[in-house]
Amino acid sequence: MKLFIKICGITNFEDAKLAISFGADALGFMMYEKSPRMINKKEAFKIIRKLPKEITKVMVFVNSSSSYVRSCLEVSSSLIPQFHGDESPEFCCSFKRPFIKAIRVSGKEDLEKISKDFSKSWMLLLDSYNEDSFGGSGKVFNWNYLQKKVLSTPFLLAGGLTSSNIEKALSLVSCKGLDVSSGVESSLRKKDPKKLKRFIDTARRFGG
């Protein structure tokens, strides 16, 4: 099965084009106002409307109001929301769309229970826990937490991924795909073409 690769923190069309040209399956747009990679609705729409239909477009929210989420999703009926905060299963399901639910892993969570709680999600996203940020921290969590876990919901692996640690990650974790942001940047808000290509090529080589 082909590995699903999502490039998150897209802030400009040039980076979006590069990611697609190198083989990304999905692009993520940070709609969280406190994120250093935040993009406003107007700018996100300018990029999204130019993207091929086969590319999955994801908008990332963190404890946002229902009205804000709805106003962003109005941009396109094909947009998938990703909830990266403390949202409940009921909240996530209320938008009547496939959704991704992010779980910030510290090792204390009952991941099997969480997987069941969010069984209606399209996918989970397992990211590093960080008190100061919701994603994009560049920190890796202990992948050994997942070795003996059988999650009922497919998941993306995130948190500190780079081309140099993908092989190890995929040898330990049976995931649906990978999510990366800071690991393919040359500077904040700007993707590095060489890092981006190397990441996707390496992921395809070891994960399909």
C-alpha atoms as a PDB file:
ATOM      1  CA  MET A   1       0.000   0.000   0.000  1.00  0.00           C
ATOM      2  CA  LYS A   2       1.322   3.423  -0.955  1.00  0.00           C
ATOM      3  CA  LEU A   3       2.443   5.585   1.942  1.00  0.00           C
ATOM      4  CA  PHE A   4       0.343   8.745   2.354  1.00  0.00           C
ATOM      5  CA  ILE A   5       2.588  11.812   2.591  1.00  0.00           C
ATOM      6  CA  LYS A   6       1.277  15.114   3.944  1.00  0.00           C
ATOM      7  CA  ILE A   7       3.338  18.298   3.842  1.00  0.00           C
ATOM      8  CA  CYS A   8       2.031  20.686   6.474  1.00  0.00           C
ATOM      9  CA  GLY A   9       2.572  24.374   7.151  1.00  0.00           C
ATOM     10  CA  ILE A  10       2.158  25.488   3.533  1.00  0.00           C
ATOM     11  CA  THR A  11       2.221  29.294   3.364  1.00  0.00           C
ATOM     12  CA  ASN A  12       2.754  30.014  -0.341  1.00  0.00           C
ATOM     13  CA  PHE A  13       1.926  28.590  -3.759  1.00  0.00           C
ATOM     14  CA  GLU A  14       5.560  27.984  -4.706  1.00  0.00           C
ATOM     15  CA  ASP A  15       6.010  25.529  -1.833  1.00  0.00           C
ATOM     16  CA  ALA A  16       2.697  23.868  -2.678  1.00  0.00           C
ATOM     17  CA  LYS A  17       3.808  23.331  -6.287  1.00  0.00           C
ATOM     18  CA  LEU A  18       7.156  21.932  -5.187  1.00  0.00           C
ATOM     19  CA  ALA A  19       5.583  19.468  -2.755  1.00  0.00           C
ATOM     20  CA  ILE A  20       3.187  18.214  -5.424  1.00  0.00           C
ATOM     21  CA  SER A  21       5.913  17.924  -8.055  1.00  0.00           C
ATOM     22  CA  PHE A  22       7.966  15.738  -5.697  1.00  0.00           C
ATOM     23  CA  GLY A  23       5.023  13.429  -5.003  1.00  0.00           C
ATOM     24  CA  ALA A  24       3.162  14.687  -1.926  1.00  0.00           C
ATOM     25  CA  ASP A  25      -0.381  13.370  -1.492  1.00  0.00           C
ATOM     26  CA  ALA A  26      -1.688  16.117   0.780  1.00  0.00           C
ATOM     27  CA  LEU A  27      -0.982  19.692   1.824  1.00  0.00           C
ATOM     28  CA  GLY A  28      -1.792  21.203   5.203  1.00  0.00           C
ATOM     29  CA  PHE A  29      -2.694  24.813   5.959  1.00  0.00           C
ATOM     30  CA  MET A  30      -2.425  26.159   9.500  1.00  0.00           C
ATOM     31  CA  MET A  31      -5.569  28.109  10.374  1.00  0.00           C
ATOM     32  CA  TYR A  32      -4.481  28.503  14.008  1.00  0.00           C
ATOM     33  CA  GLU A  33      -3.731  32.158  14.694  1.00  0.00           C
ATOM     34  CA  LYS A  34      -0.916  31.414  17.168  1.00  0.00           C
ATOM     35  CA  SER A  35       0.977  29.171  14.777  1.00  0.00           C
ATOM     36  CA  PRO A  36       4.136  30.680  13.239  1.00  0.00           C
ATOM     37  CA  ARG A  37       2.946  29.070   9.984  1.00  0.00           C
ATOM     38  CA  MET A  38      -0.546  30.536  10.165  1.00  0.00           C
ATOM     39  CA  ILE A  39      -2.191  31.494   6.881  1.00  0.00           C
ATOM     40  CA  ASN A  40      -5.407  33.484   6.622  1.00  0.00           C
ATOM     41  CA  LYS A  41      -8.504  32.245   4.822  1.00  0.00           C
ATOM     42  CA  LYS A  42      -8.055  34.535   1.832  1.00  0.00           C
ATOM     43  CA  GLU A  43      -4.458  33.490   1.165  1.00  0.00           C
ATOM     44  CA  ALA A  44      -5.240  29.820   1.748  1.00  0.00           C
ATOM     45  CA  PHE A  45      -8.077  29.979  -0.773  1.00  0.00           C
ATOM     46  CA  LYS A  46      -5.796  31.539  -3.406  1.00  0.00           C
ATOM     47  CA  ILE A  47      -3.519  28.511  -3.128  1.00  0.00           C
ATOM     48  CA  ILE A  48      -6.192  25.833  -2.718  1.00  0.00           C
ATOM     49  CA  ARG A  49      -8.160  26.814  -5.817  1.00  0.00           C
ATOM     50  CA  LYS A  50      -5.040  26.281  -7.964  1.00  0.00           C
ATOM     51  CA  LEU A  51      -4.309  22.776  -6.675  1.00  0.00           C
ATOM     52  CA  PRO A  52      -5.057  19.569  -8.601  1.00  0.00           C
ATOM     53  CA  LYS A  53      -8.215  17.740  -7.547  1.00  0.00           C
ATOM     54  CA  GLU A  54      -6.290  14.616  -6.601  1.00  0.00           C
ATOM     55  CA  ILE A  55      -4.318  16.460  -3.910  1.00  0.00           C
ATOM     56  CA  THR A  56      -5.873  16.236  -0.447  1.00  0.00           C
ATOM     57  CA  LYS A  57      -6.250  19.687   1.099  1.00  0.00           C
ATOM     58  CA  VAL A  58      -6.238  19.884   4.895  1.00  0.00           C
ATOM     59  CA  MET A  59      -7.000  22.851   7.142  1.00  0.00           C
ATOM     60  CA  VAL A  60      -5.558  22.574  10.654  1.00  0.00           C
ATOM     61  CA  PHE A  61      -7.503  23.985  13.614  1.00  0.00           C
ATOM     62  CA  VAL A  62      -6.643  24.192  17.320  1.00  0.00           C
ATOM     63  CA  ASN A  63      -9.558  24.599  19.728  1.00  0.00           C
ATOM     64  CA  SER A  64     -11.296  26.872  17.228  1.00  0.00           C
ATOM     65  CA  SER A  65     -14.931  27.898  17.433  1.00  0.00           C
ATOM     66  CA  SER A  66     -17.455  26.032  15.350  1.00  0.00           C
ATOM     67  CA  SER A  67     -18.280  29.201  13.423  1.00  0.00           C
ATOM     68  CA  TYR A  68     -14.629  29.827  12.525  1.00  0.00           C
ATOM     69  CA  VAL A  69     -14.142  26.255  11.325  1.00  0.00           C
ATOM     70  CA  ARG A  70     -17.288  26.445   9.194  1.00  0.00           C
ATOM     71  CA  SER A  71     -16.270  29.773   7.671  1.00  0.00           C
ATOM     72  CA  CYS A  72     -12.906  28.312   6.638  1.00  0.00           C
ATOM     73  CA  LEU A  73     -14.331  25.074   5.264  1.00  0.00           C
ATOM     74  CA  GLU A  74     -16.722  27.042   3.041  1.00  0.00           C
ATOM     75  CA  VAL A  75     -13.741  27.624   0.758  1.00  0.00           C
ATOM     76  CA  SER A  76     -14.154  24.144  -0.733  1.00  0.00           C
ATOM     77  CA  SER A  77     -16.394  21.120  -0.270  1.00  0.00           C
ATOM     78  CA  SER A  78     -13.338  18.873  -0.605  1.00  0.00           C
ATOM     79  CA  LEU A  79     -11.406  20.385   2.320  1.00  0.00           C
ATOM     80  CA  ILE A  80     -10.623  18.069   5.222  1.00  0.00           C
ATOM     81  CA  PRO A  81     -10.394  19.601   8.709  1.00  0.00           C
ATOM     82  CA  GLN A  82      -7.631  18.480  11.062  1.00  0.00           C
ATOM     83  CA  PHE A  83      -8.278  19.104  14.749  1.00  0.00           C
ATOM     84  CA  HIS A  84      -5.067  19.518  16.718  1.00  0.00           C
ATOM     85  CA  GLY A  85      -6.368  20.636  20.110  1.00  0.00           C
ATOM     86  CA  ASP A  86      -8.697  19.251  22.771  1.00  0.00           C
ATOM     87  CA  GLU A  87     -11.719  18.848  20.506  1.00  0.00           C
ATOM     88  CA  SER A  88     -14.273  16.186  21.423  1.00  0.00           C
ATOM     89  CA  PRO A  89     -15.400  13.421  19.062  1.00  0.00           C
ATOM     90  CA  GLU A  90     -18.806  15.122  18.881  1.00  0.00           C
ATOM     91  CA  PHE A  91     -17.271  18.442  17.831  1.00  0.00           C
ATOM     92  CA  CYS A  92     -15.111  16.810  15.173  1.00  0.00           C
ATOM     93  CA  CYS A  93     -18.079  14.938  13.715  1.00  0.00           C
ATOM     94  CA  SER A  94     -20.360  17.976  13.692  1.00  0.00           C
ATOM     95  CA  PHE A  95     -19.020  19.299  10.368  1.00  0.00           C
ATOM     96  CA  LYS A  96     -20.214  16.238   8.443  1.00  0.00           C
ATOM     97  CA  ARG A  97     -16.869  15.776   6.701  1.00  0.00           C
ATOM     98  CA  PRO A  98     -14.036  13.293   6.908  1.00  0.00           C
ATOM     99  CA  PHE A  99     -11.597  14.642   9.497  1.00  0.00           C
ATOM    100  CA  ILE A 100      -8.159  14.051  10.982  1.00  0.00           C
ATOM    101  CA  LYS A 101      -7.744  14.133  14.770  1.00  0.00           C
ATOM    102  CA  ALA A 102      -4.282  14.843  16.117  1.00  0.00           C
ATOM    103  CA  ILE A 103      -3.109  13.247  19.350  1.00  0.00           C
ATOM    104  CA  ARG A 104      -0.120  14.750  21.131  1.00  0.00           C
ATOM    105  CA  VAL A 105       1.768  11.754  22.476  1.00  0.00           C
ATOM    106  CA  SER A 106       3.623  11.924  25.793  1.00  0.00           C
ATOM    107  CA  GLY A 107       3.476   8.205  26.564  1.00  0.00           C
ATOM    108  CA  LYS A 108       0.827   8.407  29.248  1.00  0.00           C
ATOM    109  CA  GLU A 109      -2.147   8.283  26.915  1.00  0.00           C
ATOM    110  CA  ASP A 110      -4.323   5.241  26.379  1.00  0.00           C
ATOM    111  CA  LEU A 111      -3.870   5.325  22.623  1.00  0.00           C
ATOM    112  CA  GLU A 112      -6.099   2.325  22.038  1.00  0.00           C
ATOM    113  CA  LYS A 113      -8.965   4.026  23.886  1.00  0.00           C
ATOM    114  CA  ILE A 114      -8.392   7.314  22.058  1.00  0.00           C
ATOM    115  CA  SER A 115      -8.424   5.438  18.765  1.00  0.00           C
ATOM    116  CA  LYS A 116     -11.814   3.977  19.653  1.00  0.00           C
ATOM    117  CA  ASP A 117     -13.153   7.355  20.834  1.00  0.00           C
ATOM    118  CA  PHE A 118     -12.262   8.854  17.451  1.00  0.00           C
ATOM    119  CA  SER A 119     -13.167   5.790  15.412  1.00  0.00           C
ATOM    120  CA  LYS A 120     -15.229   7.968  13.063  1.00  0.00           C
ATOM    121  CA  SER A 121     -12.189   9.993  12.047  1.00  0.00           C
ATOM    122  CA  TRP A 122     -10.750   9.539   8.584  1.00  0.00           C
ATOM    123  CA  MET A 123      -7.334   9.246  10.202  1.00  0.00           C
ATOM    124  CA  LEU A 124      -5.571  10.035  13.444  1.00  0.00           C
ATOM    125  CA  LEU A 125      -2.307  11.969  13.512  1.00  0.00           C
ATOM    126  CA  LEU A 126       0.163  11.086  16.257  1.00  0.00           C
ATOM    127  CA  ASP A 127       2.418  14.023  17.084  1.00  0.00           C
ATOM    128  CA  SER A 128       4.909  14.949  19.803  1.00  0.00           C
ATOM    129  CA  TYR A 129       3.585  16.497  22.983  1.00  0.00           C
ATOM    130  CA  ASN A 130       4.926  19.997  23.568  1.00  0.00           C
ATOM    131  CA  GLU A 131       3.632  22.402  26.204  1.00  0.00           C
ATOM    132  CA  ASP A 132       4.474  25.423  24.073  1.00  0.00           C
ATOM    133  CA  SER A 133       3.148  24.435  20.672  1.00  0.00           C
ATOM    134  CA  PHE A 134       0.570  22.429  18.765  1.00  0.00           C
ATOM    135  CA  GLY A 135       2.647  20.727  16.077  1.00  0.00           C
ATOM    136  CA  GLY A 136       5.650  21.898  14.095  1.00  0.00           C
ATOM    137  CA  SER A 137       7.973  21.624  17.100  1.00  0.00           C
ATOM    138  CA  GLY A 138      10.532  19.433  15.336  1.00  0.00           C
ATOM    139  CA  LYS A 139      10.578  17.071  18.321  1.00  0.00           C
ATOM    140  CA  VAL A 140      10.321  13.285  18.065  1.00  0.00           C
ATOM    141  CA  PHE A 141       8.290  11.235  20.535  1.00  0.00           C
ATOM    142  CA  ASN A 142       9.204   7.705  21.607  1.00  0.00           C
ATOM    143  CA  TRP A 143       8.041   5.516  18.727  1.00  0.00           C
ATOM    144  CA  ASN A 144       8.388   2.450  20.933  1.00  0.00           C
ATOM    145  CA  TYR A 145       5.059   3.481  22.479  1.00  0.00           C
ATOM    146  CA  LEU A 146       3.436   2.324  19.253  1.00  0.00           C
ATOM    147  CA  GLN A 147       5.187  -0.998  18.760  1.00  0.00           C
ATOM    148  CA  LYS A 148       2.683  -3.073  20.717  1.00  0.00           C
ATOM    149  CA  LYS A 149      -0.334  -0.905  20.001  1.00  0.00           C
ATOM    150  CA  VAL A 150      -3.095  -2.065  17.725  1.00  0.00           C
ATOM    151  CA  LEU A 151      -5.060   1.048  16.845  1.00  0.00           C
ATOM    152  CA  SER A 152      -8.487   0.616  15.308  1.00  0.00           C
ATOM    153  CA  THR A 153      -8.098   3.813  13.287  1.00  0.00           C
ATOM    154  CA  PRO A 154      -5.446   4.421  10.581  1.00  0.00           C
ATOM    155  CA  PHE A 155      -2.926   7.069  11.577  1.00  0.00           C
ATOM    156  CA  LEU A 156      -0.272   9.414  10.257  1.00  0.00           C
ATOM    157  CA  LEU A 157       3.037   9.634  12.090  1.00  0.00           C
ATOM    158  CA  ALA A 158       4.287  13.161  12.811  1.00  0.00           C
ATOM    159  CA  GLY A 159       6.701  14.949  15.092  1.00  0.00           C
ATOM    160  CA  GLY A 160      10.333  15.620  14.268  1.00  0.00           C
ATOM    161  CA  LEU A 161      10.428  13.584  11.081  1.00  0.00           C
ATOM    162  CA  THR A 162      13.280  14.171   8.631  1.00  0.00           C
ATOM    163  CA  SER A 163      14.762  12.216   5.745  1.00  0.00           C
ATOM    164  CA  SER A 164      17.407  10.874   8.146  1.00  0.00           C
ATOM    165  CA  ASN A 165      14.994   9.174  10.564  1.00  0.00           C
ATOM    166  CA  ILE A 166      12.218   7.934   8.263  1.00  0.00           C
ATOM    167  CA  GLU A 167      13.758   4.478   7.832  1.00  0.00           C
ATOM    168  CA  LYS A 168      13.905   3.931  11.595  1.00  0.00           C
ATOM    169  CA  ALA A 169      10.383   5.278  12.073  1.00  0.00           C
ATOM    170  CA  LEU A 170       8.896   2.982   9.457  1.00  0.00           C
ATOM    171  CA  SER A 171      10.772  -0.022  10.851  1.00  0.00           C
ATOM    172  CA  LEU A 172       9.110   0.523  14.234  1.00  0.00           C
ATOM    173  CA  VAL A 173       5.689   1.875  13.337  1.00  0.00           C
ATOM    174  CA  SER A 174       2.973   0.552  11.028  1.00  0.00           C
ATOM    175  CA  CYS A 175       1.394   3.823   9.970  1.00  0.00           C
ATOM    176  CA  LYS A 176      -0.828   4.893   7.100  1.00  0.00           C
ATOM    177  CA  GLY A 177       1.452   7.781   6.271  1.00  0.00           C
ATOM    178  CA  LEU A 178       3.776  10.579   7.364  1.00  0.00           C
ATOM    179  CA  ASP A 179       3.226  14.232   8.186  1.00  0.00           C
ATOM    180  CA  VAL A 180       6.079  16.728   8.108  1.00  0.00           C
ATOM    181  CA  SER A 181       6.466  20.482   8.461  1.00  0.00           C
ATOM    182  CA  SER A 182       9.634  21.821  10.102  1.00  0.00           C
ATOM    183  CA  GLY A 183      11.667  18.831   8.881  1.00  0.00           C
ATOM    184  CA  VAL A 184      11.533  20.112   5.302  1.00  0.00           C
ATOM    185  CA  GLU A 185      12.044  23.820   5.971  1.00  0.00           C
ATOM    186  CA  SER A 186      15.047  25.981   5.171  1.00  0.00           C
ATOM    187  CA  SER A 187      13.649  28.698   7.421  1.00  0.00           C
ATOM    188  CA  LEU A 188      10.374  29.301   9.205  1.00  0.00           C
ATOM    189  CA  ARG A 189       7.445  29.373   6.732  1.00  0.00           C
ATOM    190  CA  LYS A 190       9.664  28.389   3.788  1.00  0.00           C
ATOM    191  CA  LYS A 191      10.126  24.842   2.511  1.00  0.00           C
ATOM    192  CA  ASP A 192      13.565  23.777   1.335  1.00  0.00           C
ATOM    193  CA  PRO A 193      13.424  22.135  -2.132  1.00  0.00           C
ATOM    194  CA  LYS A 194      16.302  19.743  -1.418  1.00  0.00           C
ATOM    195  CA  LYS A 195      14.943  18.685   1.980  1.00  0.00           C
ATOM    196  CA  LEU A 196      11.455  18.310   0.561  1.00  0.00           C
ATOM    197  CA  LYS A 197      12.564  16.094  -2.321  1.00  0.00           C
ATOM    198  CA  ARG A 198      14.883  14.046  -0.125  1.00  0.00           C
ATOM    199  CA  PHE A 199      12.129  13.474   2.436  1.00  0.00           C
ATOM    200  CA  ILE A 200       9.551  12.311  -0.101  1.00  0.00           C
ATOM    201  CA  ASP A 201      12.034  10.191  -2.066  1.00  0.00           C
ATOM    202  CA  THR A 202      13.243   8.514   1.137  1.00  0.00           C
ATOM    203  CA  ALA A 203       9.701   7.912   2.356  1.00  0.00           C
ATOM    204  CA  ARG A 204       8.784   6.276  -0.949  1.00  0.00           C
ATOM    205  CA  ARG A 205      11.906   4.135  -0.895  1.00  0.00           C
ATOM    206  CA  PHE A 206      11.275   2.718   2.571  1.00  0.00           C
ATOM    207  CA  GLY A 207       7.509   2.973   2.824  1.00  0.00           C
ATOM    208  CA  GLY A 208       6.167   2.674  -0.704  1.00  0.00           C
END
